[in-house]
Amino acid sequence: MTDRDPVPLDPAHEDPATARICLDRAFQDWDGTGDVQVVDALAPLLRELYARHPDHRPDADEAIDRRLRRAASLTVSGRVPLHDIRSRAQ
């Protein structure tokens, strides 16, 4: 491994406080996106991150499921996702 290689993710070496801050920020950014495809694509990764820290937010899976349902309802209802509106305005 060289100095340029990424450090492998090892929960045993994480700073718990930093990990929690990162998780909270990742969830907030993910939850706030209007791009349904991004929401769908990142949900499994977010679940994996929360699985590494199950005590931090025990309701993470439920919160992710709620967000996925909201995204699905936007698609099913025929409403235009926010990212489409932004790209059309440019």
N, C-alpha and C. Protein backbone atom coordinates (compact mmCIF):
# COMPACT_ATOMS: atom_id res chain seq x y z
N MET A 1 0.84 -1.17 0.00
CA MET A 1 0.00 0.00 0.00
C MET A 1 0.89 1.24 0.00
N THR A 2 0.61 2.18 -0.88
CA THR A 2 1.39 3.41 -0.95
C THR A 2 0.65 4.52 -0.21
N ASP A 3 1.30 5.68 -0.11
CA ASP A 3 0.67 6.82 0.55
C ASP A 3 -0.57 7.30 -0.20
N ARG A 4 -0.67 6.98 -1.47
CA ARG A 4 -1.79 7.45 -2.28
C ARG A 4 -2.98 6.50 -2.27
N ASP A 5 -2.77 5.29 -1.80
CA ASP A 5 -3.87 4.33 -1.73
C ASP A 5 -4.87 4.77 -0.68
N PRO A 6 -6.16 4.59 -0.96
CA PRO A 6 -7.15 4.96 0.05
C PRO A 6 -7.03 4.06 1.28
N VAL A 7 -7.35 4.62 2.40
CA VAL A 7 -7.34 3.86 3.64
C VAL A 7 -8.56 2.96 3.65
N PRO A 8 -8.40 1.66 3.87
CA PRO A 8 -9.56 0.78 3.90
C PRO A 8 -10.50 1.17 5.04
N LEU A 9 -11.78 1.03 4.77
CA LEU A 9 -12.77 1.33 5.81
C LEU A 9 -12.74 0.24 6.86
N ASP A 10 -12.40 0.61 8.04
CA ASP A 10 -12.32 -0.34 9.13
C ASP A 10 -13.01 0.28 10.33
N PRO A 11 -14.22 -0.17 10.66
CA PRO A 11 -14.96 0.42 11.77
C PRO A 11 -14.18 0.44 13.08
N ALA A 12 -13.24 -0.46 13.25
CA ALA A 12 -12.47 -0.49 14.50
C ALA A 12 -11.57 0.73 14.63
N HIS A 13 -11.24 1.37 13.50
CA HIS A 13 -10.34 2.51 13.54
C HIS A 13 -11.05 3.85 13.34
N GLU A 14 -12.35 3.84 13.26
CA GLU A 14 -13.10 5.08 13.07
C GLU A 14 -13.27 5.82 14.39
N ASP A 15 -13.29 7.12 14.30
CA ASP A 15 -13.64 7.95 15.44
C ASP A 15 -15.17 8.00 15.47
N PRO A 16 -15.80 7.47 16.52
CA PRO A 16 -17.27 7.40 16.55
C PRO A 16 -17.96 8.75 16.38
N ALA A 17 -17.42 9.79 16.99
CA ALA A 17 -18.06 11.11 16.88
C ALA A 17 -18.00 11.61 15.44
N THR A 18 -16.87 11.44 14.80
CA THR A 18 -16.73 11.87 13.40
C THR A 18 -17.63 11.04 12.49
N ALA A 19 -17.69 9.76 12.74
CA ALA A 19 -18.55 8.89 11.93
C ALA A 19 -20.01 9.31 12.05
N ARG A 20 -20.45 9.66 13.24
CA ARG A 20 -21.84 10.08 13.43
C ARG A 20 -22.13 11.39 12.71
N ILE A 21 -21.21 12.32 12.76
CA ILE A 21 -21.39 13.59 12.06
C ILE A 21 -21.48 13.34 10.55
N CYS A 22 -20.61 12.50 10.04
CA CYS A 22 -20.63 12.17 8.61
C CYS A 22 -21.92 11.47 8.21
N LEU A 23 -22.38 10.55 9.04
CA LEU A 23 -23.63 9.85 8.76
C LEU A 23 -24.81 10.82 8.73
N ASP A 24 -24.86 11.70 9.71
CA ASP A 24 -25.96 12.67 9.76
C ASP A 24 -25.95 13.57 8.53
N ARG A 25 -24.78 14.04 8.15
CA ARG A 25 -24.67 14.91 6.97
C ARG A 25 -25.04 14.16 5.69
N ALA A 26 -24.57 12.92 5.57
CA ALA A 26 -24.90 12.12 4.39
C ALA A 26 -26.41 11.91 4.29
N PHE A 27 -27.04 11.61 5.42
CA PHE A 27 -28.48 11.39 5.41
C PHE A 27 -29.22 12.67 5.04
N GLN A 28 -28.82 13.80 5.62
CA GLN A 28 -29.48 15.07 5.32
C GLN A 28 -29.35 15.43 3.85
N ASP A 29 -28.17 15.27 3.30
CA ASP A 29 -27.97 15.57 1.88
C ASP A 29 -28.79 14.63 1.00
N TRP A 30 -28.76 13.35 1.34
CA TRP A 30 -29.51 12.36 0.57
C TRP A 30 -31.02 12.63 0.66
N ASP A 31 -31.49 12.91 1.86
CA ASP A 31 -32.92 13.15 2.08
C ASP A 31 -33.39 14.41 1.36
N GLY A 32 -32.50 15.36 1.19
CA GLY A 32 -32.88 16.63 0.59
C GLY A 32 -32.80 16.67 -0.93
N THR A 33 -32.28 15.61 -1.54
CA THR A 33 -32.16 15.64 -2.99
C THR A 33 -33.52 15.45 -3.65
N GLY A 34 -33.71 16.10 -4.76
CA GLY A 34 -34.94 15.94 -5.51
C GLY A 34 -34.81 14.96 -6.65
N ASP A 35 -33.65 14.38 -6.80
CA ASP A 35 -33.39 13.45 -7.90
C ASP A 35 -33.75 12.03 -7.46
N VAL A 36 -34.83 11.52 -7.98
CA VAL A 36 -35.34 10.20 -7.59
C VAL A 36 -34.32 9.10 -7.89
N GLN A 37 -33.60 9.21 -9.00
CA GLN A 37 -32.61 8.19 -9.34
C GLN A 37 -31.46 8.20 -8.34
N VAL A 38 -31.06 9.36 -7.87
CA VAL A 38 -29.99 9.46 -6.87
C VAL A 38 -30.47 8.85 -5.56
N VAL A 39 -31.70 9.16 -5.18
CA VAL A 39 -32.26 8.60 -3.94
C VAL A 39 -32.24 7.08 -4.00
N ASP A 40 -32.71 6.52 -5.11
CA ASP A 40 -32.73 5.06 -5.27
C ASP A 40 -31.32 4.46 -5.27
N ALA A 41 -30.41 5.11 -5.96
CA ALA A 41 -29.06 4.56 -6.10
C ALA A 41 -28.28 4.58 -4.79
N LEU A 42 -28.48 5.62 -3.98
CA LEU A 42 -27.68 5.77 -2.76
C LEU A 42 -28.30 5.11 -1.53
N ALA A 43 -29.55 4.73 -1.58
CA ALA A 43 -30.21 4.13 -0.42
C ALA A 43 -29.47 2.89 0.11
N PRO A 44 -29.07 1.95 -0.75
CA PRO A 44 -28.36 0.77 -0.22
C PRO A 44 -27.03 1.13 0.45
N LEU A 45 -26.33 2.10 -0.10
CA LEU A 45 -25.06 2.52 0.50
C LEU A 45 -25.27 3.17 1.85
N LEU A 46 -26.31 3.97 1.95
CA LEU A 46 -26.63 4.62 3.22
C LEU A 46 -27.02 3.58 4.26
N ARG A 47 -27.78 2.58 3.85
CA ARG A 47 -28.13 1.48 4.77
C ARG A 47 -26.88 0.77 5.28
N GLU A 48 -25.93 0.54 4.37
CA GLU A 48 -24.70 -0.13 4.75
C GLU A 48 -23.91 0.69 5.78
N LEU A 49 -23.85 2.00 5.57
CA LEU A 49 -23.14 2.86 6.52
C LEU A 49 -23.81 2.84 7.89
N TYR A 50 -25.13 2.90 7.91
CA TYR A 50 -25.83 2.87 9.19
C TYR A 50 -25.71 1.50 9.86
N ALA A 51 -25.59 0.44 9.07
CA ALA A 51 -25.43 -0.89 9.65
C ALA A 51 -24.13 -1.00 10.43
N ARG A 52 -23.15 -0.21 10.07
CA ARG A 52 -21.89 -0.20 10.80
C ARG A 52 -21.99 0.52 12.14
N HIS A 53 -23.04 1.33 12.28
CA HIS A 53 -23.25 2.11 13.51
C HIS A 53 -24.71 1.98 13.95
N PRO A 54 -25.16 0.78 14.30
CA PRO A 54 -26.58 0.55 14.57
C PRO A 54 -27.11 1.33 15.78
N ASP A 55 -26.26 1.67 16.71
CA ASP A 55 -26.72 2.40 17.90
C ASP A 55 -26.92 3.88 17.65
N HIS A 56 -26.32 4.39 16.58
CA HIS A 56 -26.41 5.82 16.33
C HIS A 56 -27.83 6.26 16.00
N ARG A 57 -28.45 5.59 15.08
CA ARG A 57 -29.82 5.95 14.68
C ARG A 57 -30.59 4.66 14.42
N PRO A 58 -31.21 4.14 15.47
CA PRO A 58 -31.89 2.85 15.32
C PRO A 58 -33.02 2.87 14.28
N ASP A 59 -33.57 4.04 13.99
CA ASP A 59 -34.67 4.13 13.03
C ASP A 59 -34.20 4.39 11.61
N ALA A 60 -32.92 4.21 11.33
CA ALA A 60 -32.37 4.55 10.02
C ALA A 60 -33.07 3.79 8.89
N ASP A 61 -33.26 2.49 9.05
CA ASP A 61 -33.93 1.73 7.98
C ASP A 61 -35.34 2.24 7.72
N GLU A 62 -36.06 2.56 8.79
CA GLU A 62 -37.42 3.09 8.63
C GLU A 62 -37.39 4.45 7.93
N ALA A 63 -36.43 5.30 8.29
CA ALA A 63 -36.32 6.62 7.68
C ALA A 63 -35.97 6.50 6.20
N ILE A 64 -35.09 5.58 5.88
CA ILE A 64 -34.72 5.36 4.48
C ILE A 64 -35.93 4.84 3.70
N ASP A 65 -36.67 3.91 4.28
CA ASP A 65 -37.87 3.39 3.62
C ASP A 65 -38.89 4.50 3.37
N ARG A 66 -39.09 5.38 4.36
CA ARG A 66 -40.03 6.50 4.18
C ARG A 66 -39.61 7.38 3.01
N ARG A 67 -38.31 7.67 2.92
CA ARG A 67 -37.81 8.53 1.84
C ARG A 67 -37.98 7.85 0.49
N LEU A 68 -37.74 6.56 0.44
CA LEU A 68 -37.93 5.83 -0.81
C LEU A 68 -39.40 5.83 -1.23
N ARG A 69 -40.31 5.71 -0.26
CA ARG A 69 -41.74 5.77 -0.58
C ARG A 69 -42.12 7.15 -1.12
N ARG A 70 -41.56 8.20 -0.52
CA ARG A 70 -41.83 9.56 -1.02
C ARG A 70 -41.33 9.71 -2.45
N ALA A 71 -40.13 9.20 -2.71
CA ALA A 71 -39.58 9.28 -4.07
C ALA A 71 -40.45 8.51 -5.05
N ALA A 72 -40.90 7.34 -4.63
CA ALA A 72 -41.75 6.52 -5.51
C ALA A 72 -43.07 7.21 -5.77
N SER A 73 -43.62 7.88 -4.77
CA SER A 73 -44.90 8.56 -4.97
C SER A 73 -44.77 9.72 -5.94
N LEU A 74 -43.62 10.38 -5.97
CA LEU A 74 -43.40 11.45 -6.94
C LEU A 74 -43.40 10.89 -8.35
N THR A 75 -42.79 9.75 -8.53
CA THR A 75 -42.71 9.13 -9.85
C THR A 75 -44.08 8.61 -10.28
N VAL A 76 -44.78 7.95 -9.38
CA VAL A 76 -46.08 7.36 -9.70
C VAL A 76 -47.14 8.43 -9.92
N SER A 77 -47.07 9.52 -9.15
CA SER A 77 -48.09 10.56 -9.26
C SER A 77 -47.95 11.38 -10.53
N GLY A 78 -46.84 11.20 -11.22
CA GLY A 78 -46.64 11.95 -12.45
C GLY A 78 -46.03 13.32 -12.22
N ARG A 79 -45.77 13.66 -10.97
CA ARG A 79 -45.13 14.94 -10.71
C ARG A 79 -43.70 14.89 -11.23
N VAL A 80 -43.23 16.02 -11.68
CA VAL A 80 -41.88 16.10 -12.23
C VAL A 80 -40.89 16.22 -11.08
N PRO A 81 -39.89 15.31 -11.02
CA PRO A 81 -38.88 15.44 -9.98
C PRO A 81 -38.16 16.78 -10.06
N LEU A 82 -37.72 17.27 -8.92
CA LEU A 82 -37.08 18.57 -8.82
C LEU A 82 -35.89 18.71 -9.76
N HIS A 83 -35.09 17.67 -9.93
CA HIS A 83 -33.91 17.78 -10.80
C HIS A 83 -34.32 18.06 -12.24
N ASP A 84 -35.49 17.55 -12.68
CA ASP A 84 -35.97 17.84 -14.03
C ASP A 84 -36.36 19.29 -14.19
N ILE A 85 -36.99 19.85 -13.16
CA ILE A 85 -37.39 21.25 -13.20
C ILE A 85 -36.16 22.14 -13.28
N ARG A 86 -35.15 21.84 -12.47
CA ARG A 86 -33.91 22.64 -12.48
C ARG A 86 -33.21 22.56 -13.84
N SER A 87 -33.12 21.38 -14.42
CA SER A 87 -32.41 21.24 -15.68
C SER A 87 -33.16 21.94 -16.82
N ARG A 88 -34.47 21.99 -16.76
CA ARG A 88 -35.24 22.68 -17.79
C ARG A 88 -35.11 24.18 -17.69
N ALA A 89 -34.86 24.68 -16.48
CA ALA A 89 -34.76 26.12 -16.27
C ALA A 89 -33.43 26.67 -16.79
N GLN A 90 -32.46 25.81 -16.98
CA GLN A 90 -31.13 26.29 -17.41
C GLN A 90 -31.02 26.42 -18.90
